[in-house]
């Protein structure tokens, strides 16, 4: 979700082919992309009742231009999925009671 929010923000700001903030510096379109990506990410997390602060870092990595190609975004998404699976598996193996899914209480 955060990766997609960052990518959409880059597209809206016209920065898909632009160099990263480290190369081009801070510009108004880059500020707009970063702010919009954070807004989208926070709004979705609130709507889903799923607070997750690292999602803010992920969306900024994309909207600031550090990951922009589909291959880079796919690699990041694969890393997120792998980390989630390994963490879930380790918790299960160690007997930590982590639900697969739980309703909001």
Protein backbone atom coordinates (compact mmCIF):
# COMPACT_ATOMS: atom_id res chain seq x y z
CA UNK A 1 0.00 0.00 0.00
CA UNK A 2 2.77 2.44 0.94
CA UNK A 3 4.77 1.55 -2.17
CA UNK A 4 1.75 2.22 -4.36
CA UNK A 5 0.97 5.51 -2.59
CA UNK A 6 4.54 6.71 -3.20
CA UNK A 7 4.45 5.67 -6.85
CA UNK A 8 1.08 7.32 -7.49
CA UNK A 9 2.36 10.50 -5.84
CA UNK A 10 5.42 10.49 -8.09
CA UNK A 11 3.19 10.10 -11.14
CA UNK A 12 0.86 12.92 -10.06
CA UNK A 13 3.84 15.24 -9.45
CA UNK A 14 5.38 14.29 -12.80
CA UNK A 15 8.52 12.88 -11.20
CA UNK A 16 8.59 9.30 -12.50
CA UNK A 17 11.64 9.99 -14.67
CA UNK A 18 13.21 12.61 -12.39
CA UNK A 19 16.38 11.97 -10.40
CA UNK A 20 16.09 11.38 -6.66
CA UNK A 21 15.95 14.17 -4.12
CA UNK A 22 19.65 13.57 -3.35
CA UNK A 23 20.59 14.28 -6.96
CA UNK A 24 18.12 17.04 -7.84
CA UNK A 25 17.61 18.64 -4.46
CA UNK A 26 14.40 19.57 -2.72
CA UNK A 27 11.94 21.11 -5.16
CA UNK A 28 8.27 22.07 -4.81
CA UNK A 29 7.10 19.06 -6.89
CA UNK A 30 9.19 16.74 -4.69
CA UNK A 31 7.71 18.26 -1.53
CA UNK A 32 4.23 17.83 -3.01
CA UNK A 33 4.93 14.18 -3.89
CA UNK A 34 6.25 13.44 -0.39
CA UNK A 35 3.33 15.17 1.32
CA UNK A 36 0.74 13.52 -0.92
CA UNK A 37 2.26 10.07 -0.44
CA UNK A 38 2.19 10.50 3.35
CA UNK A 39 -1.40 11.75 3.20
CA UNK A 40 -2.54 8.76 1.12
CA UNK A 41 -0.68 6.27 3.30
CA UNK A 42 -1.92 7.71 6.59
CA UNK A 43 -5.50 7.97 5.32
CA UNK A 44 -5.52 4.34 4.18
CA UNK A 45 -3.98 3.12 7.43
CA UNK A 46 -6.58 5.04 9.43
CA UNK A 47 -9.43 3.73 7.24
CA UNK A 48 -8.16 0.17 7.69
CA UNK A 49 -7.53 0.65 11.43
CA UNK A 50 -4.01 -0.64 10.86
CA UNK A 51 -1.44 1.74 12.36
CA UNK A 52 2.01 0.90 11.04
CA UNK A 53 4.63 3.69 11.35
CA UNK A 54 7.21 2.00 9.06
CA UNK A 55 4.75 2.47 6.20
CA UNK A 56 5.57 6.18 6.38
CA UNK A 57 9.24 5.46 5.74
CA UNK A 58 8.39 3.14 2.86
CA UNK A 59 6.21 5.70 1.11
CA UNK A 60 8.90 8.36 1.52
CA UNK A 61 11.57 6.07 0.05
CA UNK A 62 9.47 5.93 -3.10
CA UNK A 63 8.17 9.50 -3.24
CA UNK A 64 11.66 10.95 -2.69
CA UNK A 65 12.84 9.04 -5.74
CA UNK A 66 15.05 6.33 -4.24
CA UNK A 67 12.97 3.49 -5.72
CA UNK A 68 11.13 4.31 -8.93
CA UNK A 69 11.30 1.45 -11.41
CA UNK A 70 8.80 -1.41 -11.37
CA UNK A 71 11.67 -3.86 -10.73
CA UNK A 72 12.84 -1.90 -7.68
CA UNK A 73 9.30 -1.66 -6.34
CA UNK A 74 8.75 -5.40 -6.90
CA UNK A 75 11.99 -6.19 -5.05
CA UNK A 76 10.89 -4.04 -2.11
CA UNK A 77 7.44 -5.66 -2.08
CA UNK A 78 9.04 -9.11 -2.18
CA UNK A 79 11.23 -8.12 0.77
CA UNK A 80 8.18 -7.00 2.75
CA UNK A 81 6.37 -10.28 2.02
CA UNK A 82 9.44 -12.36 2.91
CA UNK A 83 10.00 -10.48 6.18
CA UNK A 84 6.34 -10.90 7.11
CA UNK A 85 6.39 -14.63 6.39
CA UNK A 86 9.62 -15.25 8.29
CA UNK A 87 8.42 -13.22 11.28
CA UNK A 88 5.10 -15.07 11.36
CA UNK A 89 6.84 -18.44 11.06
CA UNK A 90 9.37 -17.64 13.80
CA UNK A 91 6.59 -16.53 16.16
CA UNK A 92 4.71 -19.77 15.49
CA UNK A 93 7.83 -21.91 16.01
CA UNK A 94 8.66 -20.13 19.27
CA UNK A 95 5.11 -20.45 20.56
CA UNK A 96 4.29 -16.76 20.52
CA UNK A 97 0.49 -16.49 20.25
CA UNK A 98 0.11 -14.37 17.13
CA UNK A 99 -3.23 -14.67 15.34
CA UNK A 100 -3.30 -15.10 11.59
CA UNK A 101 -6.16 -12.62 11.53
CA UNK A 102 -8.13 -11.05 14.32
CA UNK A 103 -11.24 -8.91 14.35
CA UNK A 104 -11.07 -5.45 15.85
CA UNK A 105 -12.04 -5.52 19.50
